Each structure stands twice: as C-alpha cells, then as structure tokens.
C-alpha atoms as a PDB file:
ATOM      1  CA  MET A   1      -6.463  -9.122  -2.642  1.00  0.00           C
ATOM      2  CA  LYS A   2      -8.441  -9.993  -5.762  1.00  0.00           C
ATOM      3  CA  THR A   3      -7.423  -7.809  -8.710  1.00  0.00           C
ATOM      4  CA  LEU A   4     -10.264  -8.781 -11.054  1.00  0.00           C
ATOM      5  CA  ASP A   5     -13.981  -8.817 -10.516  1.00  0.00           C
ATOM      6  CA  ILE A   6     -15.029 -11.431 -13.089  1.00  0.00           C
ATOM      7  CA  VAL A   7     -13.179 -13.978 -15.205  1.00  0.00           C
ATOM      8  CA  ALA A   8     -15.363 -15.689 -17.814  1.00  0.00           C
ATOM      9  CA  LEU A   9     -14.517 -18.902 -19.653  1.00  0.00           C
ATOM     10  CA  GLY A  10     -16.114 -20.264 -22.809  1.00  0.00           C
ATOM     11  CA  GLU A  11     -16.580 -19.963 -26.544  1.00  0.00           C
ATOM     12  CA  PRO A  12     -16.734 -16.600 -28.324  1.00  0.00           C
ATOM     13  CA  LEU A  13     -18.460 -16.374 -31.691  1.00  0.00           C
ATOM     14  CA  VAL A  14     -18.717 -13.898 -34.540  1.00  0.00           C
ATOM     15  CA  GLU A  15     -22.343 -12.985 -35.192  1.00  0.00           C
ATOM     16  CA  PHE A  16     -24.277 -12.264 -38.375  1.00  0.00           C
ATOM     17  CA  ASN A  17     -27.687 -10.852 -37.443  1.00  0.00           C
ATOM     18  CA  GLN A  18     -30.448 -10.630 -40.059  1.00  0.00           C
ATOM     19  CA  ASP A  19     -31.876  -7.211 -40.900  1.00  0.00           C
ATOM     20  CA  ARG A  20     -35.654  -7.342 -40.501  1.00  0.00           C
ATOM     21  CA  ALA A  21     -36.106  -4.662 -43.183  1.00  0.00           C
ATOM     22  CA  ASP A  22     -33.959  -6.597 -45.670  1.00  0.00           C
ATOM     23  CA  PRO A  23     -33.843 -10.334 -44.882  1.00  0.00           C
ATOM     24  CA  THR A  24     -30.973 -10.808 -47.346  1.00  0.00           C
ATOM     25  CA  ALA A  25     -28.724  -8.477 -45.344  1.00  0.00           C
ATOM     26  CA  TYR A  26     -26.886  -9.357 -42.130  1.00  0.00           C
ATOM     27  CA  ARG A  27     -25.220  -7.105 -39.549  1.00  0.00           C
ATOM     28  CA  ALA A  28     -21.818  -8.363 -38.416  1.00  0.00           C
ATOM     29  CA  GLY A  29     -21.192  -8.430 -34.691  1.00  0.00           C
ATOM     30  CA  PHE A  30     -20.009 -10.620 -31.852  1.00  0.00           C
ATOM     31  CA  GLY A  31     -21.527 -13.182 -29.507  1.00  0.00           C
ATOM     32  CA  GLY A  32     -20.858 -16.213 -27.386  1.00  0.00           C
ATOM     33  CA  ASP A  33     -22.665 -16.388 -24.052  1.00  0.00           C
ATOM     34  CA  THR A  34     -19.787 -16.000 -21.597  1.00  0.00           C
ATOM     35  CA  SER A  35     -18.087 -13.385 -23.772  1.00  0.00           C
ATOM     36  CA  ASN A  36     -21.343 -11.416 -23.826  1.00  0.00           C
ATOM     37  CA  CYS A  37     -21.458 -11.659 -20.044  1.00  0.00           C
ATOM     38  CA  ALA A  38     -17.905 -10.340 -19.672  1.00  0.00           C
ATOM     39  CA  VAL A  39     -18.598  -7.372 -21.959  1.00  0.00           C
ATOM     40  CA  ALA A  40     -21.910  -6.590 -20.245  1.00  0.00           C
ATOM     41  CA  ALA A  41     -20.142  -6.532 -16.883  1.00  0.00           C
ATOM     42  CA  ALA A  42     -17.280  -4.402 -18.222  1.00  0.00           C
ATOM     43  CA  ARG A  43     -19.740  -1.817 -19.548  1.00  0.00           C
ATOM     44  CA  LEU A  44     -21.068  -1.465 -16.014  1.00  0.00           C
ATOM     45  CA  GLY A  45     -17.626  -0.838 -14.596  1.00  0.00           C
ATOM     46  CA  ALA A  46     -16.495  -4.335 -13.589  1.00  0.00           C
ATOM     47  CA  ARG A  47     -12.890  -5.397 -14.096  1.00  0.00           C
ATOM     48  CA  THR A  48     -13.267  -8.412 -16.357  1.00  0.00           C
ATOM     49  CA  ALA A  49     -11.109 -10.919 -18.192  1.00  0.00           C
ATOM     50  CA  TYR A  50     -11.863 -13.647 -20.707  1.00  0.00           C
ATOM     51  CA  MET A  51     -10.287 -17.079 -21.125  1.00  0.00           C
ATOM     52  CA  THR A  52     -10.708 -18.957 -24.379  1.00  0.00           C
ATOM     53  CA  GLN A  53      -9.107 -19.907 -27.680  1.00  0.00           C
ATOM     54  CA  VAL A  54      -9.657 -18.158 -31.022  1.00  0.00           C
ATOM     55  CA  GLY A  55      -8.435 -19.011 -34.502  1.00  0.00           C
ATOM     56  CA  ASP A  56      -5.652 -17.119 -36.226  1.00  0.00           C
ATOM     57  CA  ASP A  57      -8.202 -15.944 -38.788  1.00  0.00           C
ATOM     58  CA  SER A  58      -9.636 -12.453 -39.288  1.00  0.00           C
ATOM     59  CA  PHE A  59     -12.621 -13.298 -37.064  1.00  0.00           C
ATOM     60  CA  GLY A  60     -10.381 -14.223 -34.153  1.00  0.00           C
ATOM     61  CA  MET A  61      -8.458 -10.972 -34.526  1.00  0.00           C
ATOM     62  CA  GLN A  62     -11.721  -8.998 -34.634  1.00  0.00           C
ATOM     63  CA  LEU A  63     -12.788 -10.596 -31.362  1.00  0.00           C
ATOM     64  CA  MET A  64      -9.458  -9.705 -29.759  1.00  0.00           C
ATOM     65  CA  GLN A  65      -9.865  -6.099 -30.879  1.00  0.00           C
ATOM     66  CA  MET A  66     -13.440  -5.971 -29.592  1.00  0.00           C
ATOM     67  CA  TRP A  67     -12.458  -7.219 -26.111  1.00  0.00           C
ATOM     68  CA  GLN A  68      -9.647  -4.716 -25.941  1.00  0.00           C
ATOM     69  CA  ARG A  69     -12.000  -1.860 -26.917  1.00  0.00           C
ATOM     70  CA  GLU A  70     -14.434  -2.994 -24.233  1.00  0.00           C
ATOM     71  CA  GLY A  71     -11.778  -3.138 -21.535  1.00  0.00           C
ATOM     72  CA  VAL A  72     -11.839  -6.936 -21.181  1.00  0.00           C
ATOM     73  CA  ASP A  73      -8.437  -8.402 -20.301  1.00  0.00           C
ATOM     74  CA  VAL A  74      -7.287 -10.870 -22.996  1.00  0.00           C
ATOM     75  CA  SER A  75      -4.156 -12.262 -21.346  1.00  0.00           C
ATOM     76  CA  GLY A  76      -6.002 -15.594 -20.988  1.00  0.00           C
ATOM     77  CA  VAL A  77      -6.942 -15.806 -24.678  1.00  0.00           C
ATOM     78  CA  ARG A  78      -4.875 -18.217 -26.768  1.00  0.00           C
ATOM     79  CA  VAL A  79      -4.626 -17.876 -30.562  1.00  0.00           C
ATOM     80  CA  VAL A  80      -4.544 -21.300 -32.220  1.00  0.00           C
ATOM     81  CA  GLN A  81      -2.668 -21.484 -35.494  1.00  0.00           C
ATOM     82  CA  GLY A  82      -4.682 -23.020 -38.328  1.00  0.00           C
ATOM     83  CA  ALA A  83      -7.937 -23.146 -36.339  1.00  0.00           C
ATOM     84  CA  ASP A  84     -11.244 -21.487 -37.204  1.00  0.00           C
ATOM     85  CA  THR A  85     -13.189 -19.102 -34.999  1.00  0.00           C
ATOM     86  CA  GLY A  86     -16.848 -20.099 -34.584  1.00  0.00           C
ATOM     87  CA  LEU A  87     -19.667 -18.221 -36.315  1.00  0.00           C
ATOM     88  CA  TYR A  88     -23.435 -18.008 -35.915  1.00  0.00           C
ATOM     89  CA  PHE A  89     -26.337 -16.465 -37.782  1.00  0.00           C
ATOM     90  CA  VAL A  90     -29.473 -14.955 -36.257  1.00  0.00           C
ATOM     91  CA  THR A  91     -32.712 -14.914 -38.244  1.00  0.00           C
ATOM     92  CA  HIS A  92     -35.994 -13.333 -37.173  1.00  0.00           C
ATOM     93  CA  GLY A  93     -39.549 -14.578 -37.666  1.00  0.00           C
ATOM     94  CA  ALA A  94     -42.998 -14.699 -36.140  1.00  0.00           C
ATOM     95  CA  GLU A  95     -41.774 -16.991 -33.334  1.00  0.00           C
ATOM     96  CA  GLY A  96     -38.808 -14.795 -32.426  1.00  0.00           C
ATOM     97  CA  HIS A  97     -35.119 -15.205 -33.208  1.00  0.00           C
ATOM     98  CA  GLN A  98     -33.496 -18.419 -34.383  1.00  0.00           C
ATOM     99  CA  PHE A  99     -29.836 -19.391 -34.459  1.00  0.00           C
ATOM    100  CA  THR A 100     -27.761 -21.266 -37.036  1.00  0.00           C
ATOM    101  CA  TYR A 101     -24.217 -22.173 -36.007  1.00  0.00           C
ATOM    102  CA  ARG A 102     -20.956 -22.862 -37.811  1.00  0.00           C
ATOM    103  CA  ARG A 103     -18.812 -23.833 -34.825  1.00  0.00           C
ATOM    104  CA  SER A 104     -17.846 -27.511 -35.232  1.00  0.00           C
ATOM    105  CA  GLY A 105     -14.151 -27.914 -34.501  1.00  0.00           C
ATOM    106  CA  SER A 106     -13.763 -24.254 -33.539  1.00  0.00           C
ATOM    107  CA  ALA A 107     -10.622 -23.088 -31.785  1.00  0.00           C
ATOM    108  CA  ALA A 108     -12.564 -22.691 -28.539  1.00  0.00           C
ATOM    109  CA  SER A 109     -13.938 -26.240 -28.733  1.00  0.00           C
ATOM    110  CA  ARG A 110     -10.342 -27.506 -28.780  1.00  0.00           C
ATOM    111  CA  MET A 111      -9.421 -25.911 -25.438  1.00  0.00           C
ATOM    112  CA  SER A 112      -8.039 -28.210 -22.778  1.00  0.00           C
ATOM    113  CA  PRO A 113      -6.842 -27.685 -19.187  1.00  0.00           C
ATOM    114  CA  GLY A 114      -3.203 -27.986 -20.176  1.00  0.00           C
ATOM    115  CA  GLU A 115      -3.362 -25.313 -22.886  1.00  0.00           C
ATOM    116  CA  ILE A 116      -5.536 -22.574 -21.354  1.00  0.00           C
ATOM    117  CA  ASP A 117      -3.823 -20.345 -18.789  1.00  0.00           C
ATOM    118  CA  LEU A 118      -6.237 -20.559 -15.858  1.00  0.00           C
ATOM    119  CA  ARG A 119      -4.141 -18.605 -13.354  1.00  0.00           C
ATOM    120  CA  GLY A 120      -6.446 -15.594 -13.681  1.00  0.00           C
ATOM    121  CA  VAL A 121      -9.180 -17.552 -11.880  1.00  0.00           C
ATOM    122  CA  ALA A 122      -7.430 -17.098  -8.543  1.00  0.00           C
ATOM    123  CA  ALA A 123      -7.201 -13.309  -9.088  1.00  0.00           C
ATOM    124  CA  ALA A 124     -10.959 -12.830  -9.556  1.00  0.00           C
ATOM    125  CA  LYS A 125     -13.938 -12.467  -7.267  1.00  0.00           C
ATOM    126  CA  PHE A 126     -16.086 -14.553  -9.660  1.00  0.00           C
ATOM    127  CA  LEU A 127     -15.470 -17.251 -12.250  1.00  0.00           C
ATOM    128  CA  HIS A 128     -18.329 -17.368 -14.771  1.00  0.00           C
ATOM    129  CA  CYS A 129     -19.000 -20.431 -16.939  1.00  0.00           C
ATOM    130  CA  SER A 130     -22.021 -21.921 -18.675  1.00  0.00           C
ATOM    131  CA  GLY A 131     -23.553 -25.105 -19.979  1.00  0.00           C
ATOM    132  CA  ILE A 132     -22.376 -24.103 -23.448  1.00  0.00           C
ATOM    133  CA  SER A 133     -18.811 -23.837 -22.119  1.00  0.00           C
ATOM    134  CA  GLN A 134     -19.178 -27.484 -21.061  1.00  0.00           C
ATOM    135  CA  ALA A 135     -21.077 -28.760 -24.111  1.00  0.00           C
ATOM    136  CA  ILE A 136     -18.839 -27.745 -27.007  1.00  0.00           C
ATOM    137  CA  SER A 137     -16.406 -30.635 -26.411  1.00  0.00           C
ATOM    138  CA  GLU A 138     -15.196 -33.074 -23.780  1.00  0.00           C
ATOM    139  CA  SER A 139     -11.894 -31.217 -23.487  1.00  0.00           C
ATOM    140  CA  ALA A 140     -13.748 -27.928 -22.962  1.00  0.00           C
ATOM    141  CA  ARG A 141     -15.865 -29.573 -20.273  1.00  0.00           C
ATOM    142  CA  ALA A 142     -12.674 -30.753 -18.570  1.00  0.00           C
ATOM    143  CA  THR A 143     -11.321 -27.196 -18.777  1.00  0.00           C
ATOM    144  CA  VAL A 144     -14.438 -25.829 -17.090  1.00  0.00           C
ATOM    145  CA  SER A 145     -14.162 -28.459 -14.350  1.00  0.00           C
ATOM    146  CA  GLU A 146     -10.507 -27.607 -13.728  1.00  0.00           C
ATOM    147  CA  ALA A 147     -11.289 -23.863 -13.623  1.00  0.00           C
ATOM    148  CA  MET A 148     -14.075 -24.458 -11.103  1.00  0.00           C
ATOM    149  CA  ARG A 149     -11.794 -26.601  -8.970  1.00  0.00           C
ATOM    150  CA  MET A 150      -9.173 -23.863  -8.991  1.00  0.00           C
ATOM    151  CA  ALA A 151     -11.839 -21.276  -8.100  1.00  0.00           C
ATOM    152  CA  ARG A 152     -12.966 -23.249  -5.069  1.00  0.00           C
ATOM    153  CA  SER A 153      -9.391 -23.663  -3.919  1.00  0.00           C
ATOM    154  CA  ALA A 154      -8.614 -19.947  -4.335  1.00  0.00           C
ATOM    155  CA  GLY A 155     -11.791 -18.626  -2.705  1.00  0.00           C
ATOM    156  CA  THR A 156     -13.155 -17.344  -6.019  1.00  0.00           C
ATOM    157  CA  ARG A 157     -16.942 -17.610  -6.227  1.00  0.00           C
ATOM    158  CA  VAL A 158     -18.374 -19.670  -9.097  1.00  0.00           C
ATOM    159  CA  SER A 159     -21.207 -18.358 -11.248  1.00  0.00           C
ATOM    160  CA  PHE A 160     -22.904 -20.757 -13.649  1.00  0.00           C
ATOM    161  CA  ASP A 161     -25.487 -20.033 -16.354  1.00  0.00           C
ATOM    162  CA  LEU A 162     -27.316 -23.201 -17.386  1.00  0.00           C
ATOM    163  CA  ASN A 163     -27.802 -22.207 -21.050  1.00  0.00           C
ATOM    164  CA  PHE A 164     -28.881 -25.700 -22.127  1.00  0.00           C
ATOM    165  CA  ARG A 165     -28.686 -26.118 -25.910  1.00  0.00           C
ATOM    166  CA  PRO A 166     -30.159 -29.412 -27.202  1.00  0.00           C
ATOM    167  CA  ARG A 167     -28.218 -29.059 -30.459  1.00  0.00           C
ATOM    168  CA  LEU A 168     -24.953 -29.357 -28.563  1.00  0.00           C
ATOM    169  CA  TRP A 169     -25.706 -32.344 -26.333  1.00  0.00           C
ATOM    170  CA  THR A 170     -28.492 -34.524 -25.010  1.00  0.00           C
ATOM    171  CA  ALA A 171     -30.599 -33.700 -21.990  1.00  0.00           C
ATOM    172  CA  GLU A 172     -29.178 -36.737 -20.223  1.00  0.00           C
ATOM    173  CA  ARG A 173     -25.564 -35.608 -20.637  1.00  0.00           C
ATOM    174  CA  ALA A 174     -26.422 -32.018 -19.757  1.00  0.00           C
ATOM    175  CA  LEU A 175     -28.225 -33.115 -16.587  1.00  0.00           C
ATOM    176  CA  GLN A 176     -25.296 -35.279 -15.494  1.00  0.00           C
ATOM    177  CA  ALA A 177     -22.914 -32.346 -16.002  1.00  0.00           C
ATOM    178  CA  LEU A 178     -25.265 -30.052 -14.091  1.00  0.00           C
ATOM    179  CA  LEU A 179     -25.448 -32.430 -11.141  1.00  0.00           C
ATOM    180  CA  GLU A 180     -21.639 -32.435 -11.024  1.00  0.00           C
ATOM    181  CA  THR A 181     -21.496 -28.632 -11.318  1.00  0.00           C
ATOM    182  CA  LEU A 182     -24.106 -27.473  -8.803  1.00  0.00           C
ATOM    183  CA  PRO A 183     -22.107 -28.479  -5.679  1.00  0.00           C
ATOM    184  CA  LEU A 184     -19.341 -26.152  -6.939  1.00  0.00           C
ATOM    185  CA  CYS A 185     -21.747 -23.342  -7.751  1.00  0.00           C
ATOM    186  CA  ASP A 186     -22.175 -20.183  -5.658  1.00  0.00           C
ATOM    187  CA  ILE A 187     -24.660 -18.504  -8.009  1.00  0.00           C
ATOM    188  CA  PHE A 188     -26.800 -20.527 -10.419  1.00  0.00           C
ATOM    189  CA  PHE A 189     -28.588 -18.764 -13.300  1.00  0.00           C
ATOM    190  CA  PRO A 190     -31.207 -21.121 -14.810  1.00  0.00           C
ATOM    191  CA  SER A 191     -34.389 -20.395 -16.735  1.00  0.00           C
ATOM    192  CA  VAL A 192     -37.678 -22.223 -16.205  1.00  0.00           C
ATOM    193  CA  ASP A 193     -37.797 -23.658 -19.729  1.00  0.00           C
ATOM    194  CA  GLU A 194     -34.262 -25.061 -19.520  1.00  0.00           C
ATOM    195  CA  VAL A 195     -34.789 -26.761 -16.179  1.00  0.00           C
ATOM    196  CA  ALA A 196     -38.076 -28.188 -17.403  1.00  0.00           C
ATOM    197  CA  LEU A 197     -36.286 -29.822 -20.341  1.00  0.00           C
ATOM    198  CA  LEU A 198     -33.718 -31.415 -18.035  1.00  0.00           C
ATOM    199  CA  THR A 199     -35.820 -32.373 -15.008  1.00  0.00           C
ATOM    200  CA  GLY A 200     -39.497 -32.084 -15.941  1.00  0.00           C
ATOM    201  CA  LEU A 201     -40.015 -29.474 -13.203  1.00  0.00           C
ATOM    202  CA  THR A 202     -42.072 -26.447 -14.246  1.00  0.00           C
ATOM    203  CA  GLN A 203     -43.034 -24.680 -11.008  1.00  0.00           C
ATOM    204  CA  VAL A 204     -40.805 -21.907  -9.739  1.00  0.00           C
ATOM    205  CA  ARG A 205     -40.566 -23.129  -6.152  1.00  0.00           C
ATOM    206  CA  ASP A 206     -39.902 -26.714  -7.227  1.00  0.00           C
ATOM    207  CA  ILE A 207     -37.042 -25.548  -9.480  1.00  0.00           C
ATOM    208  CA  VAL A 208     -35.532 -23.393  -6.743  1.00  0.00           C
ATOM    209  CA  ASP A 209     -35.758 -26.186  -4.165  1.00  0.00           C
ATOM    210  CA  TRP A 210     -34.312 -28.757  -6.599  1.00  0.00           C
ATOM    211  CA  SER A 211     -31.369 -26.459  -7.347  1.00  0.00           C
ATOM    212  CA  HIS A 212     -30.575 -25.981  -3.664  1.00  0.00           C
ATOM    213  CA  VAL A 213     -30.928 -29.677  -2.859  1.00  0.00           C
ATOM    214  CA  HIS A 214     -28.365 -30.473  -5.543  1.00  0.00           C
ATOM    215  CA  GLY A 215     -25.850 -27.956  -4.234  1.00  0.00           C
ATOM    216  CA  ALA A 216     -26.477 -24.440  -5.560  1.00  0.00           C
ATOM    217  CA  ARG A 217     -25.953 -21.899  -2.797  1.00  0.00           C
ATOM    218  CA  THR A 218     -27.798 -19.010  -4.484  1.00  0.00           C
ATOM    219  CA  VAL A 219     -30.371 -19.384  -7.264  1.00  0.00           C
ATOM    220  CA  VAL A 220     -31.369 -16.587  -9.636  1.00  0.00           C
ATOM    221  CA  LEU A 221     -34.190 -17.993 -11.746  1.00  0.00           C
ATOM    222  CA  LYS A 222     -34.823 -16.095 -14.988  1.00  0.00           C
ATOM    223  CA  LEU A 223     -38.493 -15.678 -15.909  1.00  0.00           C
ATOM    224  CA  GLY A 224     -38.051 -13.623 -19.075  1.00  0.00           C
ATOM    225  CA  ALA A 225     -40.677 -10.913 -19.397  1.00  0.00           C
ATOM    226  CA  GLN A 226     -41.960 -11.833 -15.905  1.00  0.00           C
ATOM    227  CA  GLY A 227     -38.767 -10.795 -14.149  1.00  0.00           C
ATOM    228  CA  SER A 228     -36.756 -13.040 -11.842  1.00  0.00           C
ATOM    229  CA  VAL A 229     -36.883 -15.009  -8.614  1.00  0.00           C
ATOM    230  CA  VAL A 230     -33.922 -14.984  -6.236  1.00  0.00           C
ATOM    231  CA  SER A 231     -33.337 -17.524  -3.494  1.00  0.00           C
ATOM    232  CA  GLU A 232     -30.574 -17.179  -0.931  1.00  0.00           C
ATOM    233  CA  GLY A 233     -30.237 -18.237   2.690  1.00  0.00           C
ATOM    234  CA  GLY A 234     -33.799 -19.561   2.898  1.00  0.00           C
ATOM    235  CA  SER A 235     -35.356 -16.358   1.520  1.00  0.00           C
ATOM    236  CA  VAL A 236     -37.183 -16.453  -1.837  1.00  0.00           C
ATOM    237  CA  MET A 237     -38.092 -13.147  -3.475  1.00  0.00           C
ATOM    238  CA  LYS A 238     -39.657 -12.076  -6.766  1.00  0.00           C
ATOM    239  CA  VAL A 239     -37.899  -9.231  -8.582  1.00  0.00           C
ATOM    240  CA  PRO A 240     -40.254  -7.538 -11.062  1.00  0.00           C
ATOM    241  CA  PRO A 241     -39.269  -6.973 -14.683  1.00  0.00           C
ATOM    242  CA  HIS A 242     -38.488  -3.793 -16.539  1.00  0.00           C
ATOM    243  CA  ARG A 243     -41.024  -3.881 -19.348  1.00  0.00           C
ATOM    244  CA  VAL A 244     -40.063  -3.021 -22.917  1.00  0.00           C
ATOM    245  CA  GLN A 245     -41.139  -4.011 -26.416  1.00  0.00           C
ATOM    246  CA  PRO A 246     -38.188  -6.160 -27.539  1.00  0.00           C
ATOM    247  CA  VAL A 247     -36.575  -5.791 -30.943  1.00  0.00           C
ATOM    248  CA  ASP A 248     -34.000  -8.593 -30.652  1.00  0.00           C
ATOM    249  CA  ALA A 249     -33.497 -10.676 -27.501  1.00  0.00           C
ATOM    250  CA  THR A 250     -30.169 -12.173 -28.609  1.00  0.00           C
ATOM    251  CA  GLY A 251     -27.862 -12.336 -25.599  1.00  0.00           C
ATOM    252  CA  ALA A 252     -30.330 -10.850 -23.114  1.00  0.00           C
ATOM    253  CA  GLY A 253     -29.756 -13.642 -20.586  1.00  0.00           C
ATOM    254  CA  ASP A 254     -25.994 -13.177 -20.872  1.00  0.00           C
ATOM    255  CA  CYS A 255     -26.415  -9.438 -20.258  1.00  0.00           C
ATOM    256  CA  PHE A 256     -28.530 -10.305 -17.208  1.00  0.00           C
ATOM    257  CA  ALA A 257     -25.779 -12.463 -15.701  1.00  0.00           C
ATOM    258  CA  GLY A 258     -23.059  -9.928 -16.452  1.00  0.00           C
ATOM    259  CA  ALA A 259     -25.014  -7.031 -14.968  1.00  0.00           C
ATOM    260  CA  CYS A 260     -25.895  -9.016 -11.851  1.00  0.00           C
ATOM    261  CA  LEU A 261     -22.298 -10.042 -11.211  1.00  0.00           C
ATOM    262  CA  ALA A 262     -21.020  -6.517 -11.901  1.00  0.00           C
ATOM    263  CA  ARG A 263     -23.380  -5.019  -9.351  1.00  0.00           C
ATOM    264  CA  LEU A 264     -22.564  -7.661  -6.735  1.00  0.00           C
ATOM    265  CA  CYS A 265     -18.907  -6.773  -7.187  1.00  0.00           C
ATOM    266  CA  ALA A 266     -19.859  -3.096  -6.808  1.00  0.00           C
ATOM    267  CA  GLY A 267     -21.416  -3.848  -3.415  1.00  0.00           C
ATOM    268  CA  ASP A 268     -25.126  -4.243  -4.175  1.00  0.00           C
ATOM    269  CA  ASP A 269     -27.110  -6.850  -2.279  1.00  0.00           C
ATOM    270  CA  LEU A 270     -28.553  -9.690  -4.345  1.00  0.00           C
ATOM    271  CA  ARG A 271     -32.023  -8.253  -4.817  1.00  0.00           C
ATOM    272  CA  GLN A 272     -30.715  -4.882  -5.985  1.00  0.00           C
ATOM    273  CA  ALA A 273     -28.180  -6.542  -8.284  1.00  0.00           C
ATOM    274  CA  VAL A 274     -30.955  -8.591  -9.880  1.00  0.00           C
ATOM    275  CA  ARG A 275     -33.135  -5.505 -10.252  1.00  0.00           C
ATOM    276  CA  VAL A 276     -30.309  -3.834 -12.181  1.00  0.00           C
ATOM    277  CA  ALA A 277     -29.874  -7.034 -14.195  1.00  0.00           C
ATOM    278  CA  ASN A 278     -33.574  -7.054 -15.158  1.00  0.00           C
ATOM    279  CA  ILE A 279     -33.275  -3.485 -16.433  1.00  0.00           C
ATOM    280  CA  ALA A 280     -30.008  -4.136 -18.267  1.00  0.00           C
ATOM    281  CA  ALA A 281     -31.341  -7.257 -19.965  1.00  0.00           C
ATOM    282  CA  ALA A 282     -34.494  -5.419 -21.055  1.00  0.00           C
ATOM    283  CA  LEU A 283     -32.474  -2.545 -22.518  1.00  0.00           C
ATOM    284  CA  SER A 284     -30.246  -5.012 -24.363  1.00  0.00           C
ATOM    285  CA  THR A 285     -33.273  -6.157 -26.386  1.00  0.00           C
ATOM    286  CA  GLN A 286     -33.786  -2.674 -27.850  1.00  0.00           C
ATOM    287  CA  GLY A 287     -31.169  -3.136 -30.577  1.00  0.00           C
ATOM    288  CA  TYR A 288     -29.823  -5.866 -32.814  1.00  0.00           C
ATOM    289  CA  GLY A 289     -27.114  -8.299 -31.800  1.00  0.00           C
ATOM    290  CA  ALA A 290     -25.648  -9.618 -28.592  1.00  0.00           C
ATOM    291  CA  ILE A 291     -22.956  -6.993 -27.941  1.00  0.00           C
ATOM    292  CA  ALA A 292     -23.911  -3.727 -29.647  1.00  0.00           C
ATOM    293  CA  PRO A 293     -27.001  -2.896 -27.509  1.00  0.00           C
ATOM    294  CA  LEU A 294     -25.508  -3.826 -24.127  1.00  0.00           C
ATOM    295  CA  PRO A 295     -26.237  -0.831 -21.860  1.00  0.00           C
ATOM    296  CA  ARG A 296     -23.914   1.315 -19.789  1.00  0.00           C
ATOM    297  CA  TRP A 297     -24.554   2.604 -16.277  1.00  0.00           C
ATOM    298  CA  PRO A 298     -25.867   6.085 -17.293  1.00  0.00           C
ATOM    299  CA  GLU A 299     -28.659   4.354 -19.245  1.00  0.00           C
ATOM    300  CA  ILE A 300     -29.651   2.178 -16.270  1.00  0.00           C
ATOM    301  CA  GLU A 301     -29.274   4.453 -13.264  1.00  0.00           C
ATOM    302  CA  PRO A 302     -32.254   6.811 -14.010  1.00  0.00           C
ATOM    303  CA  LEU A 303     -34.543   3.800 -14.425  1.00  0.00           C
ATOM    304  CA  LEU A 304     -33.848   2.634 -10.884  1.00  0.00           C
ATOM    305  CA  GLU A 305     -35.878   5.600  -9.657  1.00  0.00           C
ATOM    306  CA  ALA A 306     -38.980   4.569 -11.639  1.00  0.00           C
ATOM    307  CA  PRO A 307     -41.764   2.562  -9.970  1.00  0.00           C
ATOM    308  CA  VAL A 308     -41.343  -1.168 -10.476  1.00  0.00           C
ATOM    309  CA  ALA A 309     -44.008  -3.140 -12.347  1.00  0.00           C
ATOM    310  CA  ASP A 310     -45.624  -6.245 -10.894  1.00  0.00           C
END
C-alpha cells in the first residue's frame, strides 16, 4: 500500500518579493515550483514529501524548517556541504511580476541519480516533476528521468508541469526533453503560452491533441484567468475559473498542480479536482509570495457551493 500521496522532485528557492508600497523593501519567503506544489498539496491534507538538495547555509536550513512546519516529509532532502541554496527576487510593474534569479551552481542543480535517495517514489501515489526540474542541469535532468523510470516500475503515477523557462534552456532542448517525458506522463500540466513557444500551436484543441499524440494520458491545460481544459479518455471539458483581482500571481500554477493532485488523492474525479485547483490558484494570488498565501481547505470548501462563472 502506498504510504504517501505525492512526492515532488526539483529545486527549492528562497524568495525575496518586492513590496509594492515601498519598492526598496522585499518580503522574504520561499519558492521553487515543485516545492510550492508539495506545500500546496500538504495544506489541503495530502501526505507529501520532497526530494532535492539544499546548501548548508542559513537559507537551506530555513527551507528545511519551512517544510517541517508545513508537514512535508524531508527524508529525501540532502544537505550539501559548501553549496549555496538558490535565491530569486520578484519585482512588480505594469506588466505584472518579473523574476530575477541567483541560482547558478545551486545545491539542487548539482543533484544526480546516485546522490538523491529516490526510494520514496515507490511509496507515493504520484511523482511530481517539472520542466524546471529538468532544466537546471544535465545531472538534474538525469535525476528526473531516473525518478520517472522508478515511478513507472513501481506503479506510481507521474505528474509533470511543463513550466518552460527560456532563461534556463532553449526551446529546442526543452521540446526534446518534453517529447521524451510525455510517454512517461500520466497527468500533464501545460499552459497555452508555453506550448506555443515550443511547438507553435496556439489553439486549445490542437494543444490537447498534440499532447495526447506524444504520450500524455491526461492533459490539464491551464488557461489562466479563463480557467482550465481537461482531457481524459477521449472527453474534453472546460472548467470555469474562480474570478478574483490578483495581487501577486507568483506560484499560482504550482498551487494549481498541488491542489489538483491533492484532491485526486482524496478521491475527487478529475473535473472536480480541477475545479478545486482553479479556486485554490485564484486564492493564492490574493497575497504576496509563492508559499504564504497558499490556501487551506476551510478557505476553499465554501466557494465550491457558489455558482461557477463562464
């Protein structure tokens, strides 16, 4: 019997988020897409674990303490002596939020299959990885591949968030990695803009069909403020959004994935899980930072009774 719901693998980061009222001030917090996903799922009751490497600096220790507070198992986290933990800064302007990273050579980017303890993959219902998990280094990409291989062998379902970041690698390399990943993927979380950058496809149905043709079993296409489209077993459905006026959208897509996986583990069908994910992601934009505003179930449950918007 599986003892964990979700094991996530990737790069955690310490976050410094600009204060809109005082652009010279920054709020300290935490980020990293797969870490955000694990915390989001844990806040909704899922049993989660994280696998990564952190530096033996104060930032790495702060991340360890945060995961422990959030109920995320850290037995798969390795502390690397002499290594740095990655950082990023979020600034806000008329075109939304922008990111500046200080992650080159981070402890997480040095992970390799032989050094990360991947045994937790077999104990979970889902393994969650992302394009960022693959892009930070060749050894990290090999670690993701090995974790996915282990998941398939153990009957653990694989969840993959595309999260294409042009600053980390080229579209050509990202597309090649995606084509290798999709046949191993049970649930694929892309966004329209990301797929367009990699394939040139811009229409929802074309993106869904392309994803299935290349191996994805279930596709959950993120449409931002327009909600989501889910495709499974030949059925394609639109799931309306939960409308809010966003304050800071940092990590909203990661919250979406975490909430969706948590609710699938709780027994929801796919459409209901994605409806919860839409609400959770919207609520996560009502505060600053990737982790701090992630909602808990009592904040979401009353909203499920409200009429859905088209």
